[in-house]
Each structure stands twice: as structure tokens, then as C-alpha cells.
Amino acid sequence: MSTEPVDALPGFAQLEQACSSAASLLCGAVIARPDAFRGHAALDADTQREAALVAKRTADGFRASLADRTNVVLAWPWDHLATRVAWRATQGENESLRVMGDELLRIGESYGLAHREQLEAVIALWEQVALCLPSGREVHLAEMGGQMHAAYELEVGGPVSSQAAG
């Protein structure tokens, strides 16, 4: 990731979307290749709280969508993660895109490992929703994330971790 300041992106919505796209591939990579992340996941209390918050917001959102099927708006875990990271960036807690990337990795890998069952269920639903899109082709987030992660490891010559990324 770049070391450009966060304000180099045009606005919060674009920043949040960039974070969400990166987080969705990260979630797919953690599901596809958990062992590549397991030894590197941050186990500190702050990271675990952030991962639990992503899981809680995801569960609450899905419960709400089941309660009101007329006004369903799904928010995926990577969206919750992206909103948190983007918000903290706009509040001056993250100084660069690299810091944001490190935070996405730290929280995302911990969420994906600690809340694996939830993430697997969400990805399965996401893939069903993606089949209903106009293209109608199958999209496998875990496969895409796994391929992205493997390509990254080849490029940097080894495994990636939140500790090594900083």
C-alpha cells in the first residue's frame, strides 16, 4: 500500500469503498488459506475487540434484514470493517494508506480466524447473491482471495503478516 496521506482520496465514500474491496479479498484469503494467517494474527485485546465488533455488527445487520424483508439492506463483514477503518482514518487516527492497510490486515485476519463460521456462512450467501447479478456467473470470494494472497506471497517472497506489514 501507498504511504500517501488519506486525504489523497477524494472523499469518505471512495475511501470506504477502497477499504471494503480490499477487506473482501482479505476475508476470502483468510477463508481459503487460514494457516497462512493463523501464526500472524494479532491476539491483543484491542484487535480481538475490533474483530468481535465486526462480527456483532454483521450478526445484528443480518438479524435486522430477516426481521424486515421489505427493506432489506445487507452489510457484509468487510463493509463493517471498511467503515471502521475509514472512519478512524478521517478522524486522524491513521496517517497514511499504508497504516489503513495494516489496520485492515490486523483486524480482518483476526476476524476471519476467530469468527470463521460466521464468515463462511456470509461468503456462501454472498456467492448466492452474486449469482443473481446480471452477469449470472459464479463468483467465489474465497478462491479470488486465495489467489490474490498466493500472488502477493510470490511477489514479496514469503508470507504476509500484520507484524511484518508495518
C-alpha atoms as a PDB file:
ATOM      1  CA  MET A   1       0.000   0.000   0.000  1.00  0.00           C
ATOM      2  CA  SER A   2       0.962   3.564  -0.567  1.00  0.00           C
ATOM      3  CA  THR A   3       2.274   5.911   2.088  1.00  0.00           C
ATOM      4  CA  GLU A   4       0.165   8.736   0.624  1.00  0.00           C
ATOM      5  CA  PRO A   5      -1.940  10.656   3.135  1.00  0.00           C
ATOM      6  CA  VAL A   6      -5.557   9.557   3.449  1.00  0.00           C
ATOM      7  CA  ASP A   7      -6.773  12.913   2.135  1.00  0.00           C
ATOM      8  CA  ALA A   8      -5.298  11.947  -1.270  1.00  0.00           C
ATOM      9  CA  LEU A   9      -8.552  10.023  -1.853  1.00  0.00           C
ATOM     10  CA  PRO A  10     -11.483  12.193  -2.998  1.00  0.00           C
ATOM     11  CA  GLY A  11     -13.936  11.544  -0.153  1.00  0.00           C
ATOM     12  CA  PHE A  12     -15.165   9.275   2.604  1.00  0.00           C
ATOM     13  CA  ALA A  13     -17.330   7.173   0.282  1.00  0.00           C
ATOM     14  CA  GLN A  14     -14.399   6.443  -2.032  1.00  0.00           C
ATOM     15  CA  LEU A  15     -12.130   5.711   0.919  1.00  0.00           C
ATOM     16  CA  GLU A  16     -14.695   3.358   2.431  1.00  0.00           C
ATOM     17  CA  GLN A  17     -15.234   1.598  -0.926  1.00  0.00           C
ATOM     18  CA  ALA A  18     -11.490   1.064  -1.392  1.00  0.00           C
ATOM     19  CA  CYS A  19     -11.274  -0.382   2.123  1.00  0.00           C
ATOM     20  CA  SER A  20     -14.297  -2.625   1.501  1.00  0.00           C
ATOM     21  CA  SER A  21     -12.853  -4.026  -1.726  1.00  0.00           C
ATOM     22  CA  ALA A  22      -9.543  -4.790  -0.027  1.00  0.00           C
ATOM     23  CA  ALA A  23     -11.282  -6.251   3.035  1.00  0.00           C
ATOM     24  CA  SER A  24     -13.483  -8.557   0.936  1.00  0.00           C
ATOM     25  CA  LEU A  25     -10.432 -10.091  -0.730  1.00  0.00           C
ATOM     26  CA  LEU A  26      -8.705 -10.363   2.652  1.00  0.00           C
ATOM     27  CA  CYS A  27     -11.728 -12.195   4.107  1.00  0.00           C
ATOM     28  CA  GLY A  28     -11.696 -14.546   1.118  1.00  0.00           C
ATOM     29  CA  ALA A  29      -7.970 -15.154   1.566  1.00  0.00           C
ATOM     30  CA  VAL A  30      -8.352 -15.948   5.277  1.00  0.00           C
ATOM     31  CA  ILE A  31     -11.096 -18.468   4.487  1.00  0.00           C
ATOM     32  CA  ALA A  32      -9.106 -20.022   1.631  1.00  0.00           C
ATOM     33  CA  ARG A  33      -5.730 -20.129   3.390  1.00  0.00           C
ATOM     34  CA  PRO A  34      -6.250 -19.885   7.173  1.00  0.00           C
ATOM     35  CA  ASP A  35      -2.881 -21.441   8.002  1.00  0.00           C
ATOM     36  CA  ALA A  36      -1.105 -18.622   6.179  1.00  0.00           C
ATOM     37  CA  PHE A  37      -2.662 -16.160   8.649  1.00  0.00           C
ATOM     38  CA  ARG A  38      -3.024 -18.222  11.827  1.00  0.00           C
ATOM     39  CA  GLY A  39       0.536 -17.708  13.092  1.00  0.00           C
ATOM     40  CA  HIS A  40       0.459 -13.973  12.389  1.00  0.00           C
ATOM     41  CA  ALA A  41      -2.956 -12.894  13.655  1.00  0.00           C
ATOM     42  CA  ALA A  42      -2.786 -10.228  16.322  1.00  0.00           C
ATOM     43  CA  LEU A  43      -4.083 -11.612  19.595  1.00  0.00           C
ATOM     44  CA  ASP A  44      -4.027  -8.383  21.608  1.00  0.00           C
ATOM     45  CA  ALA A  45      -7.225  -7.316  23.367  1.00  0.00           C
ATOM     46  CA  ASP A  46      -7.835  -4.272  21.120  1.00  0.00           C
ATOM     47  CA  THR A  47      -7.665  -6.330  17.932  1.00  0.00           C
ATOM     48  CA  GLN A  48      -9.903  -9.028  19.372  1.00  0.00           C
ATOM     49  CA  ARG A  49     -12.450  -6.373  20.429  1.00  0.00           C
ATOM     50  CA  GLU A  50     -12.398  -4.885  16.920  1.00  0.00           C
ATOM     51  CA  ALA A  51     -12.862  -8.347  15.354  1.00  0.00           C
ATOM     52  CA  ALA A  52     -15.740  -9.089  17.754  1.00  0.00           C
ATOM     53  CA  LEU A  53     -17.329  -5.738  16.858  1.00  0.00           C
ATOM     54  CA  VAL A  54     -17.231  -6.659  13.151  1.00  0.00           C
ATOM     55  CA  ALA A  55     -18.884  -9.997  13.994  1.00  0.00           C
ATOM     56  CA  LYS A  56     -21.550  -8.345  16.174  1.00  0.00           C
ATOM     57  CA  ARG A  57     -22.408  -5.700  13.581  1.00  0.00           C
ATOM     58  CA  THR A  58     -22.617  -8.394  10.908  1.00  0.00           C
ATOM     59  CA  ALA A  59     -24.930 -10.568  13.019  1.00  0.00           C
ATOM     60  CA  ASP A  60     -27.100  -7.582  14.011  1.00  0.00           C
ATOM     61  CA  GLY A  61     -27.386  -6.489  10.386  1.00  0.00           C
ATOM     62  CA  PHE A  62     -28.439  -9.911   9.185  1.00  0.00           C
ATOM     63  CA  ARG A  63     -30.970 -10.244  12.022  1.00  0.00           C
ATOM     64  CA  ALA A  64     -32.444  -6.860  11.082  1.00  0.00           C
ATOM     65  CA  SER A  65     -32.712  -7.850   7.423  1.00  0.00           C
ATOM     66  CA  LEU A  66     -34.581 -11.029   8.391  1.00  0.00           C
ATOM     67  CA  ALA A  67     -36.956  -9.031  10.592  1.00  0.00           C
ATOM     68  CA  ASP A  68     -37.810  -6.569   7.797  1.00  0.00           C
ATOM     69  CA  ARG A  69     -37.712  -8.388   4.474  1.00  0.00           C
ATOM     70  CA  THR A  70     -39.325  -5.474   2.642  1.00  0.00           C
ATOM     71  CA  ASN A  71     -36.478  -3.087   3.356  1.00  0.00           C
ATOM     72  CA  VAL A  72     -33.528  -5.469   3.250  1.00  0.00           C
ATOM     73  CA  VAL A  73     -30.097  -3.916   3.076  1.00  0.00           C
ATOM     74  CA  LEU A  74     -27.242  -6.325   3.624  1.00  0.00           C
ATOM     75  CA  ALA A  75     -23.958  -5.098   5.030  1.00  0.00           C
ATOM     76  CA  TRP A  76     -21.194  -7.632   4.753  1.00  0.00           C
ATOM     77  CA  PRO A  77     -18.445  -8.001   7.377  1.00  0.00           C
ATOM     78  CA  TRP A  78     -15.948  -6.395   5.018  1.00  0.00           C
ATOM     79  CA  ASP A  79     -18.252  -3.368   4.851  1.00  0.00           C
ATOM     80  CA  HIS A  80     -18.285  -3.070   8.652  1.00  0.00           C
ATOM     81  CA  LEU A  81     -14.511  -3.431   8.706  1.00  0.00           C
ATOM     82  CA  ALA A  82     -14.125  -0.837   5.959  1.00  0.00           C
ATOM     83  CA  THR A  83     -16.391   1.669   7.672  1.00  0.00           C
ATOM     84  CA  ARG A  84     -14.455   1.355  10.935  1.00  0.00           C
ATOM     85  CA  VAL A  85     -11.045   1.746   9.300  1.00  0.00           C
ATOM     86  CA  ALA A  86     -12.159   4.584   7.019  1.00  0.00           C
ATOM     87  CA  TRP A  87     -13.839   6.420   9.896  1.00  0.00           C
ATOM     88  CA  ARG A  88     -10.727   6.165  12.050  1.00  0.00           C
ATOM     89  CA  ALA A  89      -8.680   7.461   9.123  1.00  0.00           C
ATOM     90  CA  THR A  90     -10.865  10.515   8.713  1.00  0.00           C
ATOM     91  CA  GLN A  91     -10.596  11.200  12.439  1.00  0.00           C
ATOM     92  CA  GLY A  92      -6.818  11.414  12.163  1.00  0.00           C
ATOM     93  CA  GLU A  93      -6.115   8.038  13.768  1.00  0.00           C
ATOM     94  CA  ASN A  94      -4.496   6.691  10.583  1.00  0.00           C
ATOM     95  CA  GLU A  95      -1.884   8.839   8.928  1.00  0.00           C
ATOM     96  CA  SER A  96      -1.482   7.032   5.597  1.00  0.00           C
ATOM     97  CA  LEU A  97      -2.955   4.461   3.280  1.00  0.00           C
ATOM     98  CA  ARG A  98      -0.278   2.048   4.487  1.00  0.00           C
ATOM     99  CA  VAL A  99      -1.443   2.405   8.091  1.00  0.00           C
ATOM    100  CA  MET A 100      -5.000   1.788   6.903  1.00  0.00           C
ATOM    101  CA  GLY A 101      -3.873  -1.328   5.038  1.00  0.00           C
ATOM    102  CA  ASP A 102      -2.074  -2.576   8.123  1.00  0.00           C
ATOM    103  CA  GLU A 103      -5.197  -1.997  10.206  1.00  0.00           C
ATOM    104  CA  LEU A 104      -7.399  -3.807   7.680  1.00  0.00           C
ATOM    105  CA  LEU A 105      -4.999  -6.743   7.743  1.00  0.00           C
ATOM    106  CA  ARG A 106      -4.705  -6.816  11.538  1.00  0.00           C
ATOM    107  CA  ILE A 107      -8.434  -6.720  12.233  1.00  0.00           C
ATOM    108  CA  GLY A 108      -9.555  -8.636   9.142  1.00  0.00           C
ATOM    109  CA  GLU A 109      -7.313 -11.637   9.675  1.00  0.00           C
ATOM    110  CA  SER A 110      -8.294 -11.797  13.346  1.00  0.00           C
ATOM    111  CA  TYR A 111     -11.983 -11.547  12.465  1.00  0.00           C
ATOM    112  CA  GLY A 112     -11.666 -14.219   9.781  1.00  0.00           C
ATOM    113  CA  LEU A 113      -9.957 -16.658  12.124  1.00  0.00           C
ATOM    114  CA  ALA A 114     -11.931 -16.005  15.323  1.00  0.00           C
ATOM    115  CA  HIS A 115     -15.324 -15.824  13.593  1.00  0.00           C
ATOM    116  CA  ARG A 116     -14.691 -18.320  10.812  1.00  0.00           C
ATOM    117  CA  GLU A 117     -18.128 -19.974  10.937  1.00  0.00           C
ATOM    118  CA  GLN A 118     -19.889 -16.629  10.549  1.00  0.00           C
ATOM    119  CA  LEU A 119     -17.595 -15.613   7.717  1.00  0.00           C
ATOM    120  CA  GLU A 120     -18.080 -18.927   5.880  1.00  0.00           C
ATOM    121  CA  ALA A 121     -21.874 -18.530   6.106  1.00  0.00           C
ATOM    122  CA  VAL A 122     -21.693 -14.925   4.930  1.00  0.00           C
ATOM    123  CA  ILE A 123     -19.449 -15.786   1.977  1.00  0.00           C
ATOM    124  CA  ALA A 124     -21.802 -18.605   0.956  1.00  0.00           C
ATOM    125  CA  LEU A 125     -24.708 -16.134   0.983  1.00  0.00           C
ATOM    126  CA  TRP A 126     -22.644 -13.502  -0.865  1.00  0.00           C
ATOM    127  CA  GLU A 127     -21.911 -16.032  -3.605  1.00  0.00           C
ATOM    128  CA  GLN A 128     -25.643 -16.823  -3.941  1.00  0.00           C
ATOM    129  CA  VAL A 129     -26.434 -13.114  -4.197  1.00  0.00           C
ATOM    130  CA  ALA A 130     -23.669 -12.658  -6.786  1.00  0.00           C
ATOM    131  CA  LEU A 131     -25.294 -15.368  -8.950  1.00  0.00           C
ATOM    132  CA  CYS A 132     -28.387 -13.147  -9.226  1.00  0.00           C
ATOM    133  CA  LEU A 133     -26.401 -10.270 -10.710  1.00  0.00           C
ATOM    134  CA  PRO A 134     -26.909  -9.534 -14.429  1.00  0.00           C
ATOM    135  CA  SER A 135     -23.680 -11.335 -15.411  1.00  0.00           C
ATOM    136  CA  GLY A 136     -25.055 -14.512 -13.816  1.00  0.00           C
ATOM    137  CA  ARG A 137     -21.618 -16.036 -13.480  1.00  0.00           C
ATOM    138  CA  GLU A 138     -20.300 -17.738 -10.391  1.00  0.00           C
ATOM    139  CA  VAL A 139     -18.016 -15.679  -8.206  1.00  0.00           C
ATOM    140  CA  HIS A 140     -16.018 -17.392  -5.480  1.00  0.00           C
ATOM    141  CA  LEU A 141     -14.661 -14.887  -2.991  1.00  0.00           C
ATOM    142  CA  ALA A 142     -12.526 -17.457  -1.158  1.00  0.00           C
ATOM    143  CA  GLU A 143     -10.947 -18.565  -4.428  1.00  0.00           C
ATOM    144  CA  MET A 144     -10.298 -14.984  -5.517  1.00  0.00           C
ATOM    145  CA  GLY A 145      -8.833 -14.080  -2.130  1.00  0.00           C
ATOM    146  CA  GLY A 146      -6.672 -17.194  -2.033  1.00  0.00           C
ATOM    147  CA  GLN A 147      -5.287 -16.472  -5.492  1.00  0.00           C
ATOM    148  CA  MET A 148      -4.597 -12.852  -4.560  1.00  0.00           C
ATOM    149  CA  HIS A 149      -2.813 -13.885  -1.386  1.00  0.00           C
ATOM    150  CA  ALA A 150      -0.713 -16.526  -3.164  1.00  0.00           C
ATOM    151  CA  ALA A 151       0.280 -13.989  -5.828  1.00  0.00           C
ATOM    152  CA  TYR A 152       1.252 -11.481  -3.156  1.00  0.00           C
ATOM    153  CA  GLU A 153       3.402 -14.049  -1.361  1.00  0.00           C
ATOM    154  CA  LEU A 154       5.186 -14.841  -4.630  1.00  0.00           C
ATOM    155  CA  GLU A 155       5.831 -11.157  -5.214  1.00  0.00           C
ATOM    156  CA  VAL A 156       7.223 -10.427  -1.741  1.00  0.00           C
ATOM    157  CA  GLY A 157       8.971 -13.775  -1.400  1.00  0.00           C
ATOM    158  CA  GLY A 158       7.188 -15.074   1.670  1.00  0.00           C
ATOM    159  CA  PRO A 159       4.145 -14.964   3.914  1.00  0.00           C
ATOM    160  CA  VAL A 160       2.462 -11.690   4.794  1.00  0.00           C
ATOM    161  CA  SER A 161       1.538 -10.789   8.348  1.00  0.00           C
ATOM    162  CA  SER A 162       0.244  -7.760  10.170  1.00  0.00           C
ATOM    163  CA  GLN A 163       3.500  -7.565  12.158  1.00  0.00           C
ATOM    164  CA  ALA A 164       5.669  -7.705   9.008  1.00  0.00           C
ATOM    165  CA  ALA A 165       3.498  -5.232   7.121  1.00  0.00           C
ATOM    166  CA  GLY A 166       4.241  -2.349   9.495  1.00  0.00           C
END
